[in-house]
PDB file of N, CA and C in Angstrom:
ATOM      1  N   MET A   1     -11.644  -2.617  28.817  1.00  0.00           N
ATOM      2  CA  MET A   1     -11.237  -3.808  28.122  1.00  0.00           C
ATOM      3  C   MET A   1      -9.814  -3.601  27.612  1.00  0.00           C
ATOM      4  N   LYS A   2      -8.989  -4.610  27.754  1.00  0.00           N
ATOM      5  CA  LYS A   2      -7.610  -4.545  27.302  1.00  0.00           C
ATOM      6  C   LYS A   2      -7.301  -5.770  26.454  1.00  0.00           C
ATOM      7  N   ALA A   3      -6.338  -5.592  25.591  1.00  0.00           N
ATOM      8  CA  ALA A   3      -5.839  -6.711  24.795  1.00  0.00           C
ATOM      9  C   ALA A   3      -4.324  -6.664  24.828  1.00  0.00           C
ATOM     10  N   LYS A   4      -3.732  -7.818  24.949  1.00  0.00           N
ATOM     11  CA  LYS A   4      -2.281  -7.897  24.983  1.00  0.00           C
ATOM     12  C   LYS A   4      -1.844  -8.897  23.918  1.00  0.00           C
ATOM     13  N   LEU A   5      -0.966  -8.439  23.043  1.00  0.00           N
ATOM     14  CA  LEU A   5      -0.450  -9.298  21.993  1.00  0.00           C
ATOM     15  C   LEU A   5       0.966  -9.712  22.353  1.00  0.00           C
ATOM     16  N   GLU A   6       1.267 -10.979  22.158  1.00  0.00           N
ATOM     17  CA  GLU A   6       2.611 -11.477  22.422  1.00  0.00           C
ATOM     18  C   GLU A   6       3.131 -12.160  21.177  1.00  0.00           C
ATOM     19  N   PHE A   7       4.397 -11.903  20.876  1.00  0.00           N
ATOM     20  CA  PHE A   7       5.046 -12.502  19.728  1.00  0.00           C
ATOM     21  C   PHE A   7       6.368 -13.099  20.172  1.00  0.00           C
ATOM     22  N   ASN A   8       6.668 -14.268  19.650  1.00  0.00           N
ATOM     23  CA  ASN A   8       7.974 -14.875  19.854  1.00  0.00           C
ATOM     24  C   ASN A   8       8.832 -14.452  18.670  1.00  0.00           C
ATOM     25  N   LEU A   9       9.676 -13.441  18.861  1.00  0.00           N
ATOM     26  CA  LEU A   9      10.440 -12.881  17.760  1.00  0.00           C
ATOM     27  C   LEU A   9      11.563 -13.796  17.284  1.00  0.00           C
ATOM     28  N   ASP A  10      11.794 -14.894  17.990  1.00  0.00           N
ATOM     29  CA  ASP A  10      12.745 -15.901  17.527  1.00  0.00           C
ATOM     30  C   ASP A  10      12.121 -16.827  16.479  1.00  0.00           C
ATOM     31  N   ASP A  11      10.786 -16.852  16.443  1.00  0.00           N
ATOM     32  CA  ASP A  11      10.059 -17.655  15.464  1.00  0.00           C
ATOM     33  C   ASP A  11       9.820 -16.793  14.219  1.00  0.00           C
ATOM     34  N   PRO A  12      10.297 -17.196  13.048  1.00  0.00           N
ATOM     35  CA  PRO A  12      10.153 -16.380  11.838  1.00  0.00           C
ATOM     36  C   PRO A  12       8.698 -16.014  11.500  1.00  0.00           C
ATOM     37  N   ASP A  13       7.778 -16.957  11.679  1.00  0.00           N
ATOM     38  CA  ASP A  13       6.366 -16.657  11.396  1.00  0.00           C
ATOM     39  C   ASP A  13       5.820 -15.609  12.363  1.00  0.00           C
ATOM     40  N   ASP A  14       6.152 -15.756  13.626  1.00  0.00           N
ATOM     41  CA  ASP A  14       5.704 -14.787  14.632  1.00  0.00           C
ATOM     42  C   ASP A  14       6.366 -13.424  14.407  1.00  0.00           C
ATOM     43  N   ALA A  15       7.631 -13.427  14.013  1.00  0.00           N
ATOM     44  CA  ALA A  15       8.333 -12.169  13.745  1.00  0.00           C
ATOM     45  C   ALA A  15       7.671 -11.432  12.586  1.00  0.00           C
ATOM     46  N   LEU A  16       7.251 -12.173  11.548  1.00  0.00           N
ATOM     47  CA  LEU A  16       6.545 -11.553  10.423  1.00  0.00           C
ATOM     48  C   LEU A  16       5.196 -11.002  10.878  1.00  0.00           C
ATOM     49  N   ARG A  17       4.466 -11.755  11.676  1.00  0.00           N
ATOM     50  CA  ARG A  17       3.182 -11.263  12.194  1.00  0.00           C
ATOM     51  C   ARG A  17       3.383  -9.987  13.014  1.00  0.00           C
ATOM     52  N   HIS A  18       4.440  -9.927  13.791  1.00  0.00           N
ATOM     53  CA  HIS A  18       4.755  -8.738  14.584  1.00  0.00           C
ATOM     54  C   HIS A  18       5.022  -7.540  13.670  1.00  0.00           C
ATOM     55  N   LYS A  19       5.822  -7.766  12.632  1.00  0.00           N
ATOM     56  CA  LYS A  19       6.131  -6.697  11.677  1.00  0.00           C
ATOM     57  C   LYS A  19       4.852  -6.207  10.985  1.00  0.00           C
ATOM     58  N   LEU A  20       3.982  -7.142  10.592  1.00  0.00           N
ATOM     59  CA  LEU A  20       2.716  -6.765   9.958  1.00  0.00           C
ATOM     60  C   LEU A  20       1.845  -5.936  10.900  1.00  0.00           C
ATOM     61  N   MET A  21       1.814  -6.329  12.168  1.00  0.00           N
ATOM     62  CA  MET A  21       1.032  -5.582  13.151  1.00  0.00           C
ATOM     63  C   MET A  21       1.576  -4.162  13.294  1.00  0.00           C
ATOM     64  N   LEU A  22       2.916  -4.028  13.339  1.00  0.00           N
ATOM     65  CA  LEU A  22       3.521  -2.704  13.487  1.00  0.00           C
ATOM     66  C   LEU A  22       3.268  -1.815  12.279  1.00  0.00           C
ATOM     67  N   LYS A  23       3.149  -2.399  11.083  1.00  0.00           N
ATOM     68  CA  LYS A  23       2.962  -1.629   9.859  1.00  0.00           C
ATOM     69  C   LYS A  23       1.489  -1.452   9.492  1.00  0.00           C
ATOM     70  N   SER A  24       0.572  -1.956  10.305  1.00  0.00           N
ATOM     71  CA  SER A  24      -0.846  -1.936   9.928  1.00  0.00           C
ATOM     72  C   SER A  24      -1.382  -0.517   9.726  1.00  0.00           C
ATOM     73  N   ASN A  25      -0.972   0.426  10.552  1.00  0.00           N
ATOM     74  CA  ASN A  25      -1.453   1.802  10.378  1.00  0.00           C
ATOM     75  C   ASN A  25      -0.913   2.403   9.080  1.00  0.00           C
ATOM     76  N   ASP A  26       0.370   2.170   8.783  1.00  0.00           N
ATOM     77  CA  ASP A  26       0.948   2.661   7.530  1.00  0.00           C
ATOM     78  C   ASP A  26       0.247   2.020   6.330  1.00  0.00           C
ATOM     79  N   MET A  27      -0.068   0.734   6.436  1.00  0.00           N
ATOM     80  CA  MET A  27      -0.765   0.064   5.344  1.00  0.00           C
ATOM     81  C   MET A  27      -2.171   0.630   5.153  1.00  0.00           C
ATOM     82  N   SER A  28      -2.848   0.929   6.239  1.00  0.00           N
ATOM     83  CA  SER A  28      -4.176   1.542   6.143  1.00  0.00           C
ATOM     84  C   SER A  28      -4.100   2.897   5.458  1.00  0.00           C
ATOM     85  N   ASN A  29      -3.109   3.698   5.825  1.00  0.00           N
ATOM     86  CA  ASN A  29      -2.933   5.006   5.190  1.00  0.00           C
ATOM     87  C   ASN A  29      -2.628   4.860   3.705  1.00  0.00           C
ATOM     88  N   ALA A  30      -1.784   3.911   3.354  1.00  0.00           N
ATOM     89  CA  ALA A  30      -1.441   3.690   1.950  1.00  0.00           C
ATOM     90  C   ALA A  30      -2.666   3.268   1.153  1.00  0.00           C
ATOM     91  N   LEU A  31      -3.446   2.354   1.706  1.00  0.00           N
ATOM     92  CA  LEU A  31      -4.655   1.907   1.007  1.00  0.00           C
ATOM     93  C   LEU A  31      -5.659   3.040   0.832  1.00  0.00           C
ATOM     94  N   TRP A  32      -5.777   3.900   1.832  1.00  0.00           N
ATOM     95  CA  TRP A  32      -6.686   5.038   1.718  1.00  0.00           C
ATOM     96  C   TRP A  32      -6.231   5.958   0.584  1.00  0.00           C
ATOM     97  N   GLU A  33      -4.938   6.265   0.539  1.00  0.00           N
ATOM     98  CA  GLU A  33      -4.393   7.116  -0.522  1.00  0.00           C
ATOM     99  C   GLU A  33      -4.638   6.502  -1.890  1.00  0.00           C
ATOM    100  N   ILE A  34      -4.363   5.210  -2.019  1.00  0.00           N
ATOM    101  CA  ILE A  34      -4.549   4.532  -3.300  1.00  0.00           C
ATOM    102  C   ILE A  34      -6.015   4.531  -3.691  1.00  0.00           C
ATOM    103  N   THR A  35      -6.874   4.222  -2.740  1.00  0.00           N
ATOM    104  CA  THR A  35      -8.300   4.108  -3.022  1.00  0.00           C
ATOM    105  C   THR A  35      -8.938   5.440  -3.379  1.00  0.00           C
ATOM    106  N   TYR A  36      -8.616   6.486  -2.635  1.00  0.00           N
ATOM    107  CA  TYR A  36      -9.316   7.744  -2.837  1.00  0.00           C
ATOM    108  C   TYR A  36      -8.545   8.761  -3.665  1.00  0.00           C
ATOM    109  N   THR A  37      -7.294   9.004  -3.348  1.00  0.00           N
ATOM    110  CA  THR A  37      -6.551  10.048  -4.039  1.00  0.00           C
ATOM    111  C   THR A  37      -6.209   9.639  -5.467  1.00  0.00           C
ATOM    112  N   ILE A  38      -5.612   8.470  -5.640  1.00  0.00           N
ATOM    113  CA  ILE A  38      -5.219   8.045  -6.978  1.00  0.00           C
ATOM    114  C   ILE A  38      -6.447   7.755  -7.826  1.00  0.00           C
ATOM    115  N   ARG A  39      -7.435   7.116  -7.254  1.00  0.00           N
ATOM    116  CA  ARG A  39      -8.658   6.815  -8.013  1.00  0.00           C
ATOM    117  C   ARG A  39      -9.305   8.098  -8.515  1.00  0.00           C
ATOM    118  N   ARG A  40      -9.383   9.093  -7.647  1.00  0.00           N
ATOM    119  CA  ARG A  40      -9.979  10.370  -8.033  1.00  0.00           C
ATOM    120  C   ARG A  40      -9.169  11.025  -9.163  1.00  0.00           C
ATOM    121  N   LYS A  41      -7.856  10.931  -9.078  1.00  0.00           N
ATOM    122  CA  LYS A  41      -6.987  11.527 -10.088  1.00  0.00           C
ATOM    123  C   LYS A  41      -7.270  10.953 -11.475  1.00  0.00           C
ATOM    124  N   TYR A  42      -7.526   9.661 -11.534  1.00  0.00           N
ATOM    125  CA  TYR A  42      -7.691   9.008 -12.829  1.00  0.00           C
ATOM    126  C   TYR A  42      -9.143   8.818 -13.268  1.00  0.00           C
ATOM    127  N   THR A  43     -10.096   9.236 -12.480  1.00  0.00           N
ATOM    128  CA  THR A  43     -11.493   9.066 -12.894  1.00  0.00           C
ATOM    129  C   THR A  43     -12.220  10.381 -13.156  1.00  0.00           C
ATOM    130  N   ARG A  44     -11.700  11.482 -12.690  1.00  0.00           N
ATOM    131  CA  ARG A  44     -12.356  12.765 -12.922  1.00  0.00           C
ATOM    132  C   ARG A  44     -12.160  13.221 -14.359  1.00  0.00           C
ATOM    133  N   ASN A  45     -13.260  13.258 -15.101  1.00  0.00           N
ATOM    134  CA  ASN A  45     -13.232  13.747 -16.477  1.00  0.00           C
ATOM    135  C   ASN A  45     -12.067  13.156 -17.271  1.00  0.00           C
ATOM    136  N   PHE A  46     -11.841  11.891 -17.081  1.00  0.00           N
ATOM    137  CA  PHE A  46     -10.682  11.250 -17.685  1.00  0.00           C
ATOM    138  C   PHE A  46     -11.060  10.633 -19.022  1.00  0.00           C
ATOM    139  N   VAL A  47     -10.440  11.122 -20.071  1.00  0.00           N
ATOM    140  CA  VAL A  47     -10.613  10.556 -21.405  1.00  0.00           C
ATOM    141  C   VAL A  47      -9.221  10.170 -21.893  1.00  0.00           C
ATOM    142  N   MET A  48      -9.098   8.937 -22.326  1.00  0.00           N
ATOM    143  CA  MET A  48      -7.781   8.449 -22.703  1.00  0.00           C
ATOM    144  C   MET A  48      -7.809   7.908 -24.129  1.00  0.00           C
ATOM    145  N   PRO A  49      -6.952   8.448 -24.961  1.00  0.00           N
ATOM    146  CA  PRO A  49      -6.822   7.840 -26.299  1.00  0.00           C
ATOM    147  C   PRO A  49      -6.267   6.421 -26.162  1.00  0.00           C
ATOM    148  N   LYS A  50      -6.729   5.533 -27.003  1.00  0.00           N
ATOM    149  CA  LYS A  50      -6.336   4.130 -26.910  1.00  0.00           C
ATOM    150  C   LYS A  50      -4.821   3.925 -26.926  1.00  0.00           C
ATOM    151  N   GLU A  51      -4.116   4.723 -27.702  1.00  0.00           N
ATOM    152  CA  GLU A  51      -2.661   4.545 -27.818  1.00  0.00           C
ATOM    153  C   GLU A  51      -1.918   4.921 -26.533  1.00  0.00           C
ATOM    154  N   ASP A  52      -2.575   5.643 -25.621  1.00  0.00           N
ATOM    155  CA  ASP A  52      -1.935   6.045 -24.361  1.00  0.00           C
ATOM    156  C   ASP A  52      -2.231   5.092 -23.207  1.00  0.00           C
ATOM    157  N   TYR A  53      -2.963   4.027 -23.478  1.00  0.00           N
ATOM    158  CA  TYR A  53      -3.415   3.111 -22.437  1.00  0.00           C
ATOM    159  C   TYR A  53      -2.260   2.616 -21.563  1.00  0.00           C
ATOM    160  N   TYR A  54      -1.206   2.093 -22.153  1.00  0.00           N
ATOM    161  CA  TYR A  54      -0.100   1.528 -21.366  1.00  0.00           C
ATOM    162  C   TYR A  54       0.660   2.602 -20.599  1.00  0.00           C
ATOM    163  N   ASP A  55       0.748   3.797 -21.149  1.00  0.00           N
ATOM    164  CA  ASP A  55       1.395   4.894 -20.435  1.00  0.00           C
ATOM    165  C   ASP A  55       0.606   5.259 -19.184  1.00  0.00           C
ATOM    166  N   VAL A  56      -0.708   5.245 -19.300  1.00  0.00           N
ATOM    167  CA  VAL A  56      -1.559   5.566 -18.152  1.00  0.00           C
ATOM    168  C   VAL A  56      -1.441   4.483 -17.087  1.00  0.00           C
ATOM    169  N   ILE A  57      -1.429   3.229 -17.504  1.00  0.00           N
ATOM    170  CA  ILE A  57      -1.257   2.131 -16.541  1.00  0.00           C
ATOM    171  C   ILE A  57       0.078   2.290 -15.815  1.00  0.00           C
ATOM    172  N   ASP A  58       1.142   2.605 -16.549  1.00  0.00           N
ATOM    173  CA  ASP A  58       2.453   2.838 -15.916  1.00  0.00           C
ATOM    174  C   ASP A  58       2.378   3.990 -14.919  1.00  0.00           C
ATOM    175  N   ASP A  59       1.690   5.069 -15.287  1.00  0.00           N
ATOM    176  CA  ASP A  59       1.544   6.216 -14.385  1.00  0.00           C
ATOM    177  C   ASP A  59       0.805   5.833 -13.109  1.00  0.00           C
ATOM    178  N   ILE A  60      -0.230   5.022 -13.244  1.00  0.00           N
ATOM    179  CA  ILE A  60      -0.993   4.581 -12.069  1.00  0.00           C
ATOM    180  C   ILE A  60      -0.089   3.778 -11.138  1.00  0.00           C
ATOM    181  N   PHE A  61       0.678   2.851 -11.701  1.00  0.00           N
ATOM    182  CA  PHE A  61       1.571   2.052 -10.857  1.00  0.00           C
ATOM    183  C   PHE A  61       2.678   2.894 -10.243  1.00  0.00           C
ATOM    184  N   LYS A  62       3.154   3.893 -10.943  1.00  0.00           N
ATOM    185  CA  LYS A  62       4.143   4.805 -10.361  1.00  0.00           C
ATOM    186  C   LYS A  62       3.538   5.537  -9.166  1.00  0.00           C
ATOM    187  N   ASP A  63       2.284   5.988  -9.316  1.00  0.00           N
ATOM    188  CA  ASP A  63       1.603   6.672  -8.211  1.00  0.00           C
ATOM    189  C   ASP A  63       1.431   5.744  -7.019  1.00  0.00           C
ATOM    190  N   ILE A  64       1.041   4.501  -7.275  1.00  0.00           N
ATOM    191  CA  ILE A  64       0.873   3.531  -6.191  1.00  0.00           C
ATOM    192  C   ILE A  64       2.210   3.292  -5.488  1.00  0.00           C
ATOM    193  N   ASN A  65       3.260   3.103  -6.254  1.00  0.00           N
ATOM    194  CA  ASN A  65       4.581   2.872  -5.656  1.00  0.00           C
ATOM    195  C   ASN A  65       5.057   4.086  -4.864  1.00  0.00           C
ATOM    196  N   GLU A  66       4.724   5.273  -5.330  1.00  0.00           N
ATOM    197  CA  GLU A  66       5.083   6.489  -4.591  1.00  0.00           C
ATOM    198  C   GLU A  66       4.378   6.527  -3.240  1.00  0.00           C
ATOM    199  N   VAL A  67       3.103   6.157  -3.222  1.00  0.00           N
ATOM    200  CA  VAL A  67       2.359   6.099  -1.954  1.00  0.00           C
ATOM    201  C   VAL A  67       2.999   5.083  -1.023  1.00  0.00           C
ATOM    202  N   LEU A  68       3.342   3.922  -1.547  1.00  0.00           N
ATOM    203  CA  LEU A  68       3.962   2.890  -0.721  1.00  0.00           C
ATOM    204  C   LEU A  68       5.301   3.361  -0.165  1.00  0.00           C
ATOM    205  N   GLU A  69       6.092   4.056  -0.979  1.00  0.00           N
ATOM    206  CA  GLU A  69       7.373   4.578  -0.500  1.00  0.00           C
ATOM    207  C   GLU A  69       7.165   5.639   0.579  1.00  0.00           C
ATOM    208  N   CYS A  70       6.204   6.525   0.360  1.00  0.00           N
ATOM    209  CA  CYS A  70       5.951   7.600   1.335  1.00  0.00           C
ATOM    210  C   CYS A  70       5.464   7.048   2.672  1.00  0.00           C
ATOM    211  N   THR A  71       4.748   5.937   2.642  1.00  0.00           N
ATOM    212  CA  THR A  71       4.247   5.340   3.881  1.00  0.00           C
ATOM    213  C   THR A  71       5.173   4.240   4.388  1.00  0.00           C
ATOM    214  N   ARG A  72       6.322   4.111   3.766  1.00  0.00           N
ATOM    215  CA  ARG A  72       7.348   3.152   4.170  1.00  0.00           C
ATOM    216  C   ARG A  72       6.829   1.706   4.179  1.00  0.00           C
ATOM    217  N   ILE A  73       6.064   1.376   3.154  1.00  0.00           N
ATOM    218  CA  ILE A  73       5.560   0.008   2.999  1.00  0.00           C
ATOM    219  C   ILE A  73       6.410  -0.696   1.965  1.00  0.00           C
ATOM    220  N   ASP A  74       7.076  -1.764   2.364  1.00  0.00           N
ATOM    221  CA  ASP A  74       7.852  -2.603   1.453  1.00  0.00           C
ATOM    222  C   ASP A  74       7.127  -3.929   1.362  1.00  0.00           C
ATOM    223  N   LEU A  75       6.375  -4.121   0.280  1.00  0.00           N
ATOM    224  CA  LEU A  75       5.569  -5.330   0.154  1.00  0.00           C
ATOM    225  C   LEU A  75       6.427  -6.594   0.151  1.00  0.00           C
ATOM    226  N   ASP A  76       7.611  -6.523  -0.440  1.00  0.00           N
ATOM    227  CA  ASP A  76       8.480  -7.704  -0.441  1.00  0.00           C
ATOM    228  C   ASP A  76       8.892  -8.096   0.976  1.00  0.00           C
ATOM    229  N   GLU A  77       9.022  -7.120   1.847  1.00  0.00           N
ATOM    230  CA  GLU A  77       9.405  -7.392   3.223  1.00  0.00           C
ATOM    231  C   GLU A  77       8.245  -7.977   4.026  1.00  0.00           C
ATOM    232  N   LEU A  78       7.030  -7.642   3.641  1.00  0.00           N
ATOM    233  CA  LEU A  78       5.860  -8.024   4.433  1.00  0.00           C
ATOM    234  C   LEU A  78       5.144  -9.265   3.930  1.00  0.00           C
ATOM    235  N   LEU A  79       5.486  -9.719   2.732  1.00  0.00           N
ATOM    236  CA  LEU A  79       4.816 -10.906   2.188  1.00  0.00           C
ATOM    237  C   LEU A  79       5.787 -12.022   1.938  1.00  0.00           C
TER     238      LEU A  79
END
């Protein structure tokens, strides 16, 4: 069984779909890292004083952004 995808790269919508298709493996890797690695980091024996709540949220988003940078995912470019 074979599948052939065709995109008209002159059409902006088709060009975006093509870019999304090319980045799908990187996006899958990024989601796996976010789901398993970062989640594990923040749920294992994690006790947080209430006053540190916003710092922890910032740390989580920094970790997510680091994963996105490492997998070369630019959400602004893809959405």
